[in-house]
PDB file of N, CA and C in Angstrom:
ATOM      1  N   MET A   1       0.852  -1.193   0.000  1.00  0.00           N
ATOM      2  CA  MET A   1       0.000   0.000   0.000  1.00  0.00           C
ATOM      3  C   MET A   1       0.891   1.247   0.000  1.00  0.00           C
ATOM      4  N   SER A   2       0.583   2.186  -0.858  1.00  0.00           N
ATOM      5  CA  SER A   2       1.340   3.437  -0.971  1.00  0.00           C
ATOM      6  C   SER A   2       0.918   4.405   0.131  1.00  0.00           C
ATOM      7  N   ALA A   3       1.837   5.252   0.507  1.00  0.00           N
ATOM      8  CA  ALA A   3       1.522   6.291   1.496  1.00  0.00           C
ATOM      9  C   ALA A   3       0.428   7.214   0.974  1.00  0.00           C
ATOM     10  N   TYR A   4       0.288   7.322  -0.339  1.00  0.00           N
ATOM     11  CA  TYR A   4      -0.741   8.190  -0.923  1.00  0.00           C
ATOM     12  C   TYR A   4      -2.134   7.564  -0.885  1.00  0.00           C
ATOM     13  N   ASP A   5      -2.204   6.265  -0.539  1.00  0.00           N
ATOM     14  CA  ASP A   5      -3.493   5.592  -0.439  1.00  0.00           C
ATOM     15  C   ASP A   5      -4.161   5.817   0.911  1.00  0.00           C
ATOM     16  N   LYS A   6      -3.450   6.406   1.844  1.00  0.00           N
ATOM     17  CA  LYS A   6      -4.038   6.683   3.148  1.00  0.00           C
ATOM     18  C   LYS A   6      -3.845   8.159   3.477  1.00  0.00           C
ATOM     19  N   GLN A   7      -4.655   8.612   4.397  1.00  0.00           N
ATOM     20  CA  GLN A   7      -4.510   9.989   4.865  1.00  0.00           C
ATOM     21  C   GLN A   7      -4.756  10.003   6.354  1.00  0.00           C
ATOM     22  N   VAL A   8      -3.846  10.630   7.053  1.00  0.00           N
ATOM     23  CA  VAL A   8      -3.974  10.753   8.500  1.00  0.00           C
ATOM     24  C   VAL A   8      -4.725  12.051   8.783  1.00  0.00           C
ATOM     25  N   GLY A   9      -5.824  11.972   9.511  1.00  0.00           N
ATOM     26  CA  GLY A   9      -6.554  13.178   9.905  1.00  0.00           C
ATOM     27  C   GLY A   9      -7.483  13.729   8.854  1.00  0.00           C
ATOM     28  N   GLY A  10      -8.385  12.948   8.345  1.00  0.00           N
ATOM     29  CA  GLY A  10      -9.381  13.438   7.402  1.00  0.00           C
ATOM     30  C   GLY A  10      -9.331  12.709   6.084  1.00  0.00           C
ATOM     31  N   SER A  11     -10.156  13.172   5.145  1.00  0.00           N
ATOM     32  CA  SER A  11     -10.187  12.518   3.827  1.00  0.00           C
ATOM     33  C   SER A  11     -10.181  13.547   2.685  1.00  0.00           C
ATOM     34  N   HIS A  12      -9.904  14.820   3.022  1.00  0.00           N
ATOM     35  CA  HIS A  12     -10.007  15.873   2.009  1.00  0.00           C
ATOM     36  C   HIS A  12      -9.016  15.689   0.864  1.00  0.00           C
ATOM     37  N   TYR A  13      -7.830  15.111   1.095  1.00  0.00           N
ATOM     38  CA  TYR A  13      -6.876  14.913   0.007  1.00  0.00           C
ATOM     39  C   TYR A  13      -7.219  13.681  -0.821  1.00  0.00           C
ATOM     40  N   LYS A  14      -7.829  12.690  -0.197  1.00  0.00           N
ATOM     41  CA  LYS A  14      -8.160  11.459  -0.915  1.00  0.00           C
ATOM     42  C   LYS A  14      -9.229  11.700  -1.976  1.00  0.00           C
ATOM     43  N   LYS A  15      -9.975  12.804  -1.875  1.00  0.00           N
ATOM     44  CA  LYS A  15     -11.013  13.136  -2.855  1.00  0.00           C
ATOM     45  C   LYS A  15     -10.417  13.647  -4.166  1.00  0.00           C
ATOM     46  N   MET A  16      -9.131  13.962  -4.166  1.00  0.00           N
ATOM     47  CA  MET A  16      -8.495  14.592  -5.325  1.00  0.00           C
ATOM     48  C   MET A  16      -7.857  13.552  -6.239  1.00  0.00           C
ATOM     49  N   LYS A  17      -7.855  13.860  -7.546  1.00  0.00           N
ATOM     50  CA  LYS A  17      -7.234  12.957  -8.516  1.00  0.00           C
ATOM     51  C   LYS A  17      -5.730  12.855  -8.282  1.00  0.00           C
ATOM     52  N   ILE A  18      -5.098  13.992  -7.965  1.00  0.00           N
ATOM     53  CA  ILE A  18      -3.671  14.017  -7.646  1.00  0.00           C
ATOM     54  C   ILE A  18      -3.538  14.708  -6.301  1.00  0.00           C
ATOM     55  N   GLN A  19      -2.961  14.050  -5.343  1.00  0.00           N
ATOM     56  CA  GLN A  19      -2.794  14.669  -4.036  1.00  0.00           C
ATOM     57  C   GLN A  19      -1.750  15.786  -4.123  1.00  0.00           C
ATOM     58  N   PRO A  20      -1.985  16.887  -3.418  1.00  0.00           N
ATOM     59  CA  PRO A  20      -1.042  18.006  -3.463  1.00  0.00           C
ATOM     60  C   PRO A  20       0.388  17.583  -3.122  1.00  0.00           C
ATOM     61  N   SER A  21       0.555  16.718  -2.119  1.00  0.00           N
ATOM     62  CA  SER A  21       1.909  16.310  -1.736  1.00  0.00           C
ATOM     63  C   SER A  21       2.607  15.558  -2.870  1.00  0.00           C
ATOM     64  N   LYS A  22       1.884  14.728  -3.584  1.00  0.00           N
ATOM     65  CA  LYS A  22       2.477  14.000  -4.719  1.00  0.00           C
ATOM     66  C   LYS A  22       2.858  14.975  -5.826  1.00  0.00           C
ATOM     67  N   PHE A  23       1.974  15.931  -6.109  1.00  0.00           N
ATOM     68  CA  PHE A  23       2.256  16.946  -7.131  1.00  0.00           C
ATOM     69  C   PHE A  23       3.508  17.738  -6.766  1.00  0.00           C
ATOM     70  N   VAL A  24       3.615  18.130  -5.498  1.00  0.00           N
ATOM     71  CA  VAL A  24       4.752  18.919  -5.020  1.00  0.00           C
ATOM     72  C   VAL A  24       6.044  18.116  -5.151  1.00  0.00           C
ATOM     73  N   ILE A  25       6.023  16.871  -4.732  1.00  0.00           N
ATOM     74  CA  ILE A  25       7.213  16.029  -4.793  1.00  0.00           C
ATOM     75  C   ILE A  25       7.620  15.773  -6.244  1.00  0.00           C
ATOM     76  N   GLU A  26       6.649  15.401  -7.084  1.00  0.00           N
ATOM     77  CA  GLU A  26       6.947  15.093  -8.489  1.00  0.00           C
ATOM     78  C   GLU A  26       7.512  16.303  -9.236  1.00  0.00           C
ATOM     79  N   ASN A  27       7.104  17.499  -8.834  1.00  0.00           N
ATOM     80  CA  ASN A  27       7.568  18.719  -9.500  1.00  0.00           C
ATOM     81  C   ASN A  27       8.714  19.409  -8.760  1.00  0.00           C
ATOM     82  N   GLU A  28       9.199  18.752  -7.694  1.00  0.00           N
ATOM     83  CA  GLU A  28      10.341  19.246  -6.926  1.00  0.00           C
ATOM     84  C   GLU A  28      10.164  20.706  -6.496  1.00  0.00           C
ATOM     85  N   LEU A  29       8.986  21.007  -5.989  1.00  0.00           N
ATOM     86  CA  LEU A  29       8.709  22.368  -5.521  1.00  0.00           C
ATOM     87  C   LEU A  29       9.285  22.582  -4.129  1.00  0.00           C
ATOM     88  N   LEU A  30       9.593  23.815  -3.821  1.00  0.00           N
ATOM     89  CA  LEU A  30      10.069  24.179  -2.500  1.00  0.00           C
ATOM     90  C   LEU A  30       8.898  24.213  -1.514  1.00  0.00           C
ATOM     91  N   PHE A  31       9.220  24.238  -0.226  1.00  0.00           N
ATOM     92  CA  PHE A  31       8.188  24.194   0.816  1.00  0.00           C
ATOM     93  C   PHE A  31       7.113  25.277   0.653  1.00  0.00           C
ATOM     94  N   PRO A  32       7.473  26.553   0.478  1.00  0.00           N
ATOM     95  CA  PRO A  32       6.407  27.565   0.373  1.00  0.00           C
ATOM     96  C   PRO A  32       5.494  27.344  -0.833  1.00  0.00           C
ATOM     97  N   GLU A  33       6.072  26.983  -1.982  1.00  0.00           N
ATOM     98  CA  GLU A  33       5.243  26.711  -3.162  1.00  0.00           C
ATOM     99  C   GLU A  33       4.331  25.515  -2.913  1.00  0.00           C
ATOM    100  N   GLY A  34       4.878  24.482  -2.254  1.00  0.00           N
ATOM    101  CA  GLY A  34       4.067  23.308  -1.930  1.00  0.00           C
ATOM    102  C   GLY A  34       2.936  23.642  -0.977  1.00  0.00           C
ATOM    103  N   SER A  35       3.212  24.520  -0.035  1.00  0.00           N
ATOM    104  CA  SER A  35       2.170  24.928   0.909  1.00  0.00           C
ATOM    105  C   SER A  35       1.047  25.672   0.197  1.00  0.00           C
ATOM    106  N   VAL A  36       1.407  26.517  -0.763  1.00  0.00           N
ATOM    107  CA  VAL A  36       0.381  27.231  -1.541  1.00  0.00           C
ATOM    108  C   VAL A  36      -0.521  26.223  -2.244  1.00  0.00           C
ATOM    109  N   ILE A  37       0.092  25.248  -2.914  1.00  0.00           N
ATOM    110  CA  ILE A  37      -0.680  24.214  -3.619  1.00  0.00           C
ATOM    111  C   ILE A  37      -1.612  23.505  -2.638  1.00  0.00           C
ATOM    112  N   LYS A  38      -1.062  23.086  -1.498  1.00  0.00           N
ATOM    113  CA  LYS A  38      -1.839  22.354  -0.494  1.00  0.00           C
ATOM    114  C   LYS A  38      -3.048  23.164  -0.034  1.00  0.00           C
ATOM    115  N   TYR A  39      -2.819  24.416   0.361  1.00  0.00           N
ATOM    116  CA  TYR A  39      -3.915  25.216   0.914  1.00  0.00           C
ATOM    117  C   TYR A  39      -4.965  25.557  -0.134  1.00  0.00           C
ATOM    118  N   ILE A  40      -4.542  25.787  -1.353  1.00  0.00           N
ATOM    119  CA  ILE A  40      -5.523  26.085  -2.406  1.00  0.00           C
ATOM    120  C   ILE A  40      -6.357  24.849  -2.718  1.00  0.00           C
ATOM    121  N   CYS A  41      -5.711  23.690  -2.748  1.00  0.00           N
ATOM    122  CA  CYS A  41      -6.445  22.459  -3.058  1.00  0.00           C
ATOM    123  C   CYS A  41      -7.462  22.078  -1.983  1.00  0.00           C
ATOM    124  N   ARG A  42      -7.168  22.355  -0.733  1.00  0.00           N
ATOM    125  CA  ARG A  42      -8.032  21.853   0.333  1.00  0.00           C
ATOM    126  C   ARG A  42      -9.051  22.859   0.861  1.00  0.00           C
ATOM    127  N   HIS A  43      -8.983  24.109   0.466  1.00  0.00           N
ATOM    128  CA  HIS A  43      -9.829  25.129   1.108  1.00  0.00           C
ATOM    129  C   HIS A  43     -11.322  24.804   1.064  1.00  0.00           C
ATOM    130  N   ARG A  44     -11.792  24.197  -0.030  1.00  0.00           N
ATOM    131  CA  ARG A  44     -13.233  23.893  -0.127  1.00  0.00           C
ATOM    132  C   ARG A  44     -13.656  22.759   0.792  1.00  0.00           C
ATOM    133  N   PHE A  45     -12.701  21.920   1.173  1.00  0.00           N
ATOM    134  CA  PHE A  45     -13.026  20.734   1.968  1.00  0.00           C
ATOM    135  C   PHE A  45     -12.650  20.848   3.442  1.00  0.00           C
ATOM    136  N   LYS A  46     -11.803  21.816   3.799  1.00  0.00           N
ATOM    137  CA  LYS A  46     -11.320  21.834   5.172  1.00  0.00           C
ATOM    138  C   LYS A  46     -11.588  23.180   5.851  1.00  0.00           C
ATOM    139  N   ASN A  47     -10.712  24.167   5.674  1.00  0.00           N
ATOM    140  CA  ASN A  47     -10.808  25.393   6.478  1.00  0.00           C
ATOM    141  C   ASN A  47     -11.286  26.634   5.725  1.00  0.00           C
ATOM    142  N   GLY A  48     -11.781  26.474   4.518  1.00  0.00           N
ATOM    143  CA  GLY A  48     -12.366  27.591   3.780  1.00  0.00           C
ATOM    144  C   GLY A  48     -11.435  28.783   3.603  1.00  0.00           C
ATOM    145  N   LYS A  49     -11.955  29.945   3.948  1.00  0.00           N
ATOM    146  CA  LYS A  49     -11.227  31.199   3.760  1.00  0.00           C
ATOM    147  C   LYS A  49      -9.866  31.191   4.465  1.00  0.00           C
ATOM    148  N   GLU A  50      -9.791  30.577   5.640  1.00  0.00           N
ATOM    149  CA  GLU A  50      -8.521  30.532   6.377  1.00  0.00           C
ATOM    150  C   GLU A  50      -7.424  29.867   5.547  1.00  0.00           C
ATOM    151  N   ASP A  51      -7.753  28.795   4.838  1.00  0.00           N
ATOM    152  CA  ASP A  51      -6.753  28.141   3.993  1.00  0.00           C
ATOM    153  C   ASP A  51      -6.320  29.054   2.850  1.00  0.00           C
ATOM    154  N   LEU A  52      -7.247  29.806   2.287  1.00  0.00           N
ATOM    155  CA  LEU A  52      -6.874  30.756   1.223  1.00  0.00           C
ATOM    156  C   LEU A  52      -5.977  31.856   1.765  1.00  0.00           C
ATOM    157  N   GLU A  53      -6.261  32.307   2.980  1.00  0.00           N
ATOM    158  CA  GLU A  53      -5.406  33.325   3.601  1.00  0.00           C
ATOM    159  C   GLU A  53      -4.008  32.764   3.867  1.00  0.00           C
ATOM    160  N   LYS A  54      -3.930  31.497   4.235  1.00  0.00           N
ATOM    161  CA  LYS A  54      -2.627  30.865   4.426  1.00  0.00           C
ATOM    162  C   LYS A  54      -1.880  30.788   3.098  1.00  0.00           C
ATOM    163  N   ALA A  55      -2.588  30.447   2.023  1.00  0.00           N
ATOM    164  CA  ALA A  55      -1.959  30.389   0.699  1.00  0.00           C
ATOM    165  C   ALA A  55      -1.414  31.766   0.311  1.00  0.00           C
ATOM    166  N   VAL A  56      -2.214  32.807   0.555  1.00  0.00           N
ATOM    167  CA  VAL A  56      -1.763  34.174   0.262  1.00  0.00           C
ATOM    168  C   VAL A  56      -0.513  34.507   1.072  1.00  0.00           C
ATOM    169  N   HIS A  57      -0.503  34.113   2.337  1.00  0.00           N
ATOM    170  CA  HIS A  57       0.650  34.373   3.200  1.00  0.00           C
ATOM    171  C   HIS A  57       1.908  33.717   2.632  1.00  0.00           C
ATOM    172  N   PHE A  58       1.790  32.476   2.196  1.00  0.00           N
ATOM    173  CA  PHE A  58       2.946  31.804   1.604  1.00  0.00           C
ATOM    174  C   PHE A  58       3.352  32.468   0.289  1.00  0.00           C
ATOM    175  N   ILE A  59       2.389  32.931  -0.494  1.00  0.00           N
ATOM    176  CA  ILE A  59       2.724  33.643  -1.737  1.00  0.00           C
ATOM    177  C   ILE A  59       3.491  34.918  -1.411  1.00  0.00           C
ATOM    178  N   GLU A  60       3.071  35.631  -0.358  1.00  0.00           N
ATOM    179  CA  GLU A  60       3.793  36.839   0.062  1.00  0.00           C
ATOM    180  C   GLU A  60       5.227  36.494   0.461  1.00  0.00           C
ATOM    181  N   MET A  61       5.408  35.357   1.132  1.00  0.00           N
ATOM    182  CA  MET A  61       6.766  34.927   1.504  1.00  0.00           C
ATOM    183  C   MET A  61       7.616  34.652   0.263  1.00  0.00           C
ATOM    184  N   ILE A  62       7.006  34.014  -0.730  1.00  0.00           N
ATOM    185  CA  ILE A  62       7.731  33.702  -1.969  1.00  0.00           C
ATOM    186  C   ILE A  62       8.131  34.996  -2.673  1.00  0.00           C
ATOM    187  N   ILE A  63       7.208  35.938  -2.746  1.00  0.00           N
ATOM    188  CA  ILE A  63       7.513  37.223  -3.384  1.00  0.00           C
ATOM    189  C   ILE A  63       8.650  37.919  -2.655  1.00  0.00           C
ATOM    190  N   GLU A  64       8.581  37.942  -1.331  1.00  0.00           N
ATOM    191  CA  GLU A  64       9.637  38.587  -0.534  1.00  0.00           C
ATOM    192  C   GLU A  64      10.980  37.878  -0.738  1.00  0.00           C
ATOM    193  N   ARG A  65      10.950  36.571  -0.832  1.00  0.00           N
ATOM    194  CA  ARG A  65      12.185  35.792  -1.013  1.00  0.00           C
ATOM    195  C   ARG A  65      12.777  35.978  -2.411  1.00  0.00           C
ATOM    196  N   ASP A  66      11.926  35.908  -3.441  1.00  0.00           N
ATOM    197  CA  ASP A  66      12.423  35.882  -4.820  1.00  0.00           C
ATOM    198  C   ASP A  66      12.414  37.229  -5.536  1.00  0.00           C
ATOM    199  N   TYR A  67      11.636  38.164  -5.040  1.00  0.00           N
ATOM    200  CA  TYR A  67      11.512  39.461  -5.709  1.00  0.00           C
ATOM    201  C   TYR A  67      11.634  40.588  -4.690  1.00  0.00           C
ATOM    202  N   PRO A  68      12.812  40.728  -4.091  1.00  0.00           N
ATOM    203  CA  PRO A  68      12.958  41.754  -3.059  1.00  0.00           C
ATOM    204  C   PRO A  68      12.729  43.150  -3.633  1.00  0.00           C
ATOM    205  N   THR A  69      12.157  43.984  -2.808  1.00  0.00           N
ATOM    206  CA  THR A  69      11.901  45.357  -3.216  1.00  0.00           C
ATOM    207  C   THR A  69      13.217  46.114  -3.262  1.00  0.00           C
ATOM    208  N   ILE A  70      13.461  46.738  -4.391  1.00  0.00           N
ATOM    209  CA  ILE A  70      14.664  47.556  -4.536  1.00  0.00           C
ATOM    210  C   ILE A  70      14.247  48.994  -4.259  1.00  0.00           C
ATOM    211  N   PRO A  71      14.851  49.619  -3.254  1.00  0.00           N
ATOM    212  CA  PRO A  71      14.437  50.984  -2.929  1.00  0.00           C
ATOM    213  C   PRO A  71      14.669  51.921  -4.114  1.00  0.00           C
ATOM    214  N   MET A  72      13.735  52.852  -4.278  1.00  0.00           N
ATOM    215  CA  MET A  72      13.884  53.847  -5.329  1.00  0.00           C
ATOM    216  C   MET A  72      14.975  54.831  -4.962  1.00  0.00           C
ATOM    217  N   THR A  73      15.612  55.345  -5.994  1.00  0.00           N
ATOM    218  CA  THR A  73      16.565  56.422  -5.752  1.00  0.00           C
ATOM    219  C   THR A  73      15.776  57.682  -5.429  1.00  0.00           C
ATOM    220  N   GLU A  74      16.449  58.642  -4.851  1.00  0.00           N
ATOM    221  CA  GLU A  74      15.804  59.913  -4.524  1.00  0.00           C
ATOM    222  C   GLU A  74      15.232  60.555  -5.792  1.00  0.00           C
ATOM    223  N   GLU A  75      15.980  60.462  -6.879  1.00  0.00           N
ATOM    224  CA  GLU A  75      15.531  61.033  -8.157  1.00  0.00           C
ATOM    225  C   GLU A  75      14.243  60.359  -8.636  1.00  0.00           C
ATOM    226  N   GLU A  76      14.157  59.030  -8.504  1.00  0.00           N
ATOM    227  CA  GLU A  76      12.952  58.309  -8.919  1.00  0.00           C
ATOM    228  C   GLU A  76      11.747  58.708  -8.070  1.00  0.00           C
ATOM    229  N   GLU A  77      11.965  58.915  -6.772  1.00  0.00           N
ATOM    230  CA  GLU A  77      10.867  59.335  -5.902  1.00  0.00           C
ATOM    231  C   GLU A  77      10.320  60.690  -6.332  1.00  0.00           C
ATOM    232  N   TYR A  78      11.214  61.632  -6.640  1.00  0.00           N
ATOM    233  CA  TYR A  78      10.763  62.952  -7.089  1.00  0.00           C
ATOM    234  C   TYR A  78      10.030  62.839  -8.421  1.00  0.00           C
ATOM    235  N   ARG A  79      10.582  62.044  -9.344  1.00  0.00           N
ATOM    236  CA  ARG A  79       9.958  61.888 -10.663  1.00  0.00           C
ATOM    237  C   ARG A  79       8.562  61.293 -10.514  1.00  0.00           C
ATOM    238  N   ASN A  80       8.421  60.280  -9.659  1.00  0.00           N
ATOM    239  CA  ASN A  80       7.112  59.660  -9.438  1.00  0.00           C
ATOM    240  C   ASN A  80       6.123  60.632  -8.812  1.00  0.00           C
ATOM    241  N   ALA A  81       6.632  61.553  -7.990  1.00  0.00           N
ATOM    242  CA  ALA A  81       5.766  62.555  -7.360  1.00  0.00           C
ATOM    243  C   ALA A  81       5.458  63.707  -8.307  1.00  0.00           C
ATOM    244  N   GLY A  82       6.163  63.757  -9.453  1.00  0.00           N
ATOM    245  CA  GLY A  82       5.913  64.816 -10.426  1.00  0.00           C
ATOM    246  C   GLY A  82       6.500  66.163 -10.034  1.00  0.00           C
ATOM    247  N   ILE A  83       7.560  66.141  -9.208  1.00  0.00           N
ATOM    248  CA  ILE A  83       8.192  67.388  -8.789  1.00  0.00           C
ATOM    249  C   ILE A  83       9.705  67.250  -8.887  1.00  0.00           C
ATOM    250  N   THR A  84      10.374  68.366  -8.815  1.00  0.00           N
ATOM    251  CA  THR A  84      11.830  68.343  -8.798  1.00  0.00           C
ATOM    252  C   THR A  84      12.307  68.311  -7.351  1.00  0.00           C
ATOM    253  N   LYS A  85      13.583  68.037  -7.174  1.00  0.00           N
ATOM    254  CA  LYS A  85      14.148  68.020  -5.829  1.00  0.00           C
ATOM    255  C   LYS A  85      14.019  69.399  -5.198  1.00  0.00           C
ATOM    256  N   GLU A  86      14.256  70.437  -5.997  1.00  0.00           N
ATOM    257  CA  GLU A  86      14.169  71.806  -5.486  1.00  0.00           C
ATOM    258  C   GLU A  86      12.751  72.112  -4.985  1.00  0.00           C
ATOM    259  N   GLU A  87      11.745  71.670  -5.750  1.00  0.00           N
ATOM    260  CA  GLU A  87      10.357  71.897  -5.326  1.00  0.00           C
ATOM    261  C   GLU A  87      10.060  71.139  -4.031  1.00  0.00           C
ATOM    262  N   ALA A  88      10.591  69.945  -3.921  1.00  0.00           N
ATOM    263  CA  ALA A  88      10.336  69.134  -2.726  1.00  0.00           C
ATOM    264  C   ALA A  88      10.974  69.752  -1.490  1.00  0.00           C
ATOM    265  N   GLU A  89      12.078  70.444  -1.667  1.00  0.00           N
ATOM    266  CA  GLU A  89      12.770  71.027  -0.525  1.00  0.00           C
ATOM    267  C   GLU A  89      12.093  72.286  -0.003  1.00  0.00           C
ATOM    268  N   ARG A  90      11.210  72.861  -0.806  1.00  0.00           N
ATOM    269  CA  ARG A  90      10.458  74.017  -0.332  1.00  0.00           C
ATOM    270  C   ARG A  90       9.301  73.535   0.540  1.00  0.00           C
ATOM    271  N   THR A  91       8.852  74.362   1.446  1.00  0.00           N
ATOM    272  CA  THR A  91       7.700  74.016   2.267  1.00  0.00           C
ATOM    273  C   THR A  91       6.440  74.384   1.501  1.00  0.00           C
ATOM    274  N   TYR A  92       5.494  73.471   1.439  1.00  0.00           N
ATOM    275  CA  TYR A  92       4.210  73.751   0.783  1.00  0.00           C
ATOM    276  C   TYR A  92       3.113  73.662   1.804  1.00  0.00           C
ATOM    277  N   PRO A  93       2.262  74.653   1.958  1.00  0.00           N
ATOM    278  CA  PRO A  93       2.496  76.009   1.466  1.00  0.00           C
ATOM    279  C   PRO A  93       3.611  76.660   2.267  1.00  0.00           C
ATOM    280  N   PRO A  94       4.255  77.694   1.701  1.00  0.00           N
ATOM    281  CA  PRO A  94       5.325  78.355   2.443  1.00  0.00           C
ATOM    282  C   PRO A  94       4.800  78.882   3.772  1.00  0.00           C
ATOM    283  N   GLN A  95       5.580  78.690   4.849  1.00  0.00           N
ATOM    284  CA  GLN A  95       5.130  79.127   6.164  1.00  0.00           C
ATOM    285  C   GLN A  95       6.212  79.956   6.844  1.00  0.00           C
ATOM    286  N   ASN A  96       5.747  80.881   7.703  1.00  0.00           N
ATOM    287  CA  ASN A  96       6.721  81.630   8.498  1.00  0.00           C
ATOM    288  C   ASN A  96       7.030  80.841   9.767  1.00  0.00           C
ATOM    289  N   SER A  97       7.818  81.413  10.646  1.00  0.00           N
ATOM    290  CA  SER A  97       8.249  80.686  11.837  1.00  0.00           C
ATOM    291  C   SER A  97       7.102  80.365  12.790  1.00  0.00           C
ATOM    292  N   TRP A  98       5.960  81.029  12.656  1.00  0.00           N
ATOM    293  CA  TRP A  98       4.801  80.730  13.514  1.00  0.00           C
ATOM    294  C   TRP A  98       3.891  79.686  12.876  1.00  0.00           C
ATOM    295  N   GLY A  99       4.265  79.190  11.692  1.00  0.00           N
ATOM    296  CA  GLY A  99       3.446  78.197  11.002  1.00  0.00           C
ATOM    297  C   GLY A  99       2.326  78.805  10.190  1.00  0.00           C
ATOM    298  N   MET A 100       2.343  80.153  10.046  1.00  0.00           N
ATOM    299  CA  MET A 100       1.303  80.810   9.245  1.00  0.00           C
ATOM    300  C   MET A 100       1.741  80.842   7.787  1.00  0.00           C
ATOM    301  N   ILE A 101       0.775  80.737   6.887  1.00  0.00           N
ATOM    302  CA  ILE A 101       1.088  80.756   5.463  1.00  0.00           C
ATOM    303  C   ILE A 101       1.603  82.135   5.081  1.00  0.00           C
ATOM    304  N   LYS A 102       2.740  82.152   4.392  1.00  0.00           N
ATOM    305  CA  LYS A 102       3.337  83.418   3.959  1.00  0.00           C
ATOM    306  C   LYS A 102       2.822  83.760   2.566  1.00  0.00           C
ATOM    307  N   PRO A 103       2.676  85.036   2.276  1.00  0.00           N
ATOM    308  CA  PRO A 103       2.336  85.426   0.909  1.00  0.00           C
ATOM    309  C   PRO A 103       3.536  85.171   0.012  1.00  0.00           C
ATOM    310  N   PRO A 104       3.321  85.138  -1.314  1.00  0.00           N
ATOM    311  CA  PRO A 104       4.449  84.939  -2.214  1.00  0.00           C
ATOM    312  C   PRO A 104       5.503  86.018  -1.973  1.00  0.00           C
ATOM    313  N   GLU A 105       6.747  85.658  -2.200  1.00  0.00           N
ATOM    314  CA  GLU A 105       7.841  86.608  -2.003  1.00  0.00           C
ATOM    315  C   GLU A 105       7.680  87.785  -2.971  1.00  0.00           C
ATOM    316  N   THR A 106       7.773  88.985  -2.436  1.00  0.00           N
ATOM    317  CA  THR A 106       7.721  90.194  -3.264  1.00  0.00           C
ATOM    318  C   THR A 106       8.773  91.156  -2.744  1.00  0.00           C
ATOM    319  N   SER A 107       9.154  92.066  -3.608  1.00  0.00           N
ATOM    320  CA  SER A 107      10.124  93.062  -3.159  1.00  0.00           C
ATOM    321  C   SER A 107       9.385  94.128  -2.364  1.00  0.00           C
ATOM    322  N   GLY A 108      10.120  94.907  -1.584  1.00  0.00           N
ATOM    323  CA  GLY A 108       9.522  96.006  -0.829  1.00  0.00           C
ATOM    324  C   GLY A 108       8.838  97.000  -1.753  1.00  0.00           C
ATOM    325  N   LYS A 109       9.416  97.248  -2.931  1.00  0.00           N
ATOM    326  CA  LYS A 109       8.839  98.197  -3.898  1.00  0.00           C
ATOM    327  C   LYS A 109       7.469  97.699  -4.358  1.00  0.00           C
ATOM    328  N   ASP A 110       7.357  96.389  -4.635  1.00  0.00           N
ATOM    329  CA  ASP A 110       6.065  95.838  -5.054  1.00  0.00           C
ATOM    330  C   ASP A 110       5.010  96.075  -3.977  1.00  0.00           C
ATOM    331  N   TRP A 111       5.390  95.893  -2.734  1.00  0.00           N
ATOM    332  CA  TRP A 111       4.450  96.072  -1.644  1.00  0.00           C
ATOM    333  C   TRP A 111       4.016  97.523  -1.552  1.00  0.00           C
ATOM    334  N   VAL A 112       4.947  98.441  -1.646  1.00  0.00           N
ATOM    335  CA  VAL A 112       4.637  99.877  -1.559  1.00  0.00           C
ATOM    336  C   VAL A 112       3.733 100.281  -2.710  1.00  0.00           C
ATOM    337  N   ASP A 113       4.050  99.840  -3.929  1.00  0.00           N
ATOM    338  CA  ASP A 113       3.205 100.176  -5.083  1.00  0.00           C
ATOM    339  C   ASP A 113       1.790  99.625  -4.899  1.00  0.00           C
ATOM    340  N   GLY A 114       1.679  98.401  -4.391  1.00  0.00           N
ATOM    341  CA  GLY A 114       0.363  97.813  -4.165  1.00  0.00           C
ATOM    342  C   GLY A 114      -0.419  98.580  -3.113  1.00  0.00           C
ATOM    343  N   TYR A 115       0.275  99.011  -2.085  1.00  0.00           N
ATOM    344  CA  TYR A 115      -0.377  99.782  -1.027  1.00  0.00           C
ATOM    345  C   TYR A 115      -0.896 101.102  -1.572  1.00  0.00           C
ATOM    346  N   LYS A 116      -0.094 101.770  -2.410  1.00  0.00           N
ATOM    347  CA  LYS A 116      -0.514 103.059  -2.994  1.00  0.00           C
ATOM    348  C   LYS A 116      -1.750 102.873  -3.864  1.00  0.00           C
ATOM    349  N   GLN A 117      -1.768 101.797  -4.645  1.00  0.00           N
ATOM    350  CA  GLN A 117      -2.934 101.547  -5.493  1.00  0.00           C
ATOM    351  C   GLN A 117      -4.167 101.270  -4.632  1.00  0.00           C
ATOM    352  N   TRP A 118      -3.992 100.532  -3.588  1.00  0.00           N
ATOM    353  CA  TRP A 118      -5.113 100.231  -2.711  1.00  0.00           C
ATOM    354  C   TRP A 118      -5.622 101.512  -2.060  1.00  0.00           C
ATOM    355  N   LYS A 119      -4.694 102.343  -1.614  1.00  0.00           N
ATOM    356  CA  LYS A 119      -5.079 103.568  -0.923  1.00  0.00           C
ATOM    357  C   LYS A 119      -5.848 104.502  -1.853  1.00  0.00           C
ATOM    358  N   LYS A 120      -5.428 104.572  -3.141  1.00  0.00           N
ATOM    359  CA  LYS A 120      -6.144 105.420  -4.114  1.00  0.00           C
ATOM    360  C   LYS A 120      -7.576 104.968  -4.278  1.00  0.00           C
ATOM    361  N   GLY A 121      -7.800 103.656  -4.313  1.00  0.00           N
ATOM    362  CA  GLY A 121      -9.138 103.141  -4.562  1.00  0.00           C
ATOM    363  C   GLY A 121      -9.984 103.006  -3.317  1.00  0.00           C
ATOM    364  N   CYS A 122      -9.428 103.271  -2.156  1.00  0.00           N
ATOM    365  CA  CYS A 122     -10.160 103.084  -0.906  1.00  0.00           C
ATOM    366  C   CYS A 122     -11.202 104.199  -0.765  1.00  0.00           C
ATOM    367  N   PRO A 123     -12.480 103.899  -0.574  1.00  0.00           N
ATOM    368  CA  PRO A 123     -13.522 104.921  -0.477  1.00  0.00           C
ATOM    369  C   PRO A 123     -13.430 105.753   0.814  1.00  0.00           C
ATOM    370  N   HIS A 124     -12.670 105.326   1.776  1.00  0.00           N
ATOM    371  CA  HIS A 124     -12.581 106.047   3.034  1.00  0.00           C
ATOM    372  C   HIS A 124     -11.523 107.140   3.000  1.00  0.00           C
ATOM    373  N   ASN A 125     -10.769 107.269   1.928  1.00  0.00           N
ATOM    374  CA  ASN A 125      -9.716 108.286   1.856  1.00  0.00           C
ATOM    375  C   ASN A 125     -10.194 109.499   1.107  1.00  0.00           C
TER     376      ASN A 125
END
C-alpha cells in the first residue's frame, strides 16, 4: 500500500485525482510553493477562507524571497511625485516661523506700489 493511499486526519486529500503532496514532490517544488498548492487544493473541503489566507501568506513569503523590493533612488521618488528636488525642498504652502502661510515673495517696492494703489481706490480716503 502506498503512502498516498491513506490519509492521517481526514479525507479531504483522498477526494483529489492528484494529491497536493504528490504533485509537489513530483515537481520538486520548495516548501512555500508546496504549501500554496496544499492550501488552495483543500480550502473547499477543510478550512475555507482561512486556507486561502494561508496560501496568500505563503505567496507573500515567496515574493519577498524571490523578488525583493529595490528601494527607489531619490531622483525616482521625485519623478514619481511629479516634482523636482528643489520643489520638494520648499515648504508647501510656504510658512513663516509661527506656522502661518506666507504670501508669495515680493520686493519692498512691489508692496509699496500695491499699497498706494489700494489707498487710491479706498472709499474712506
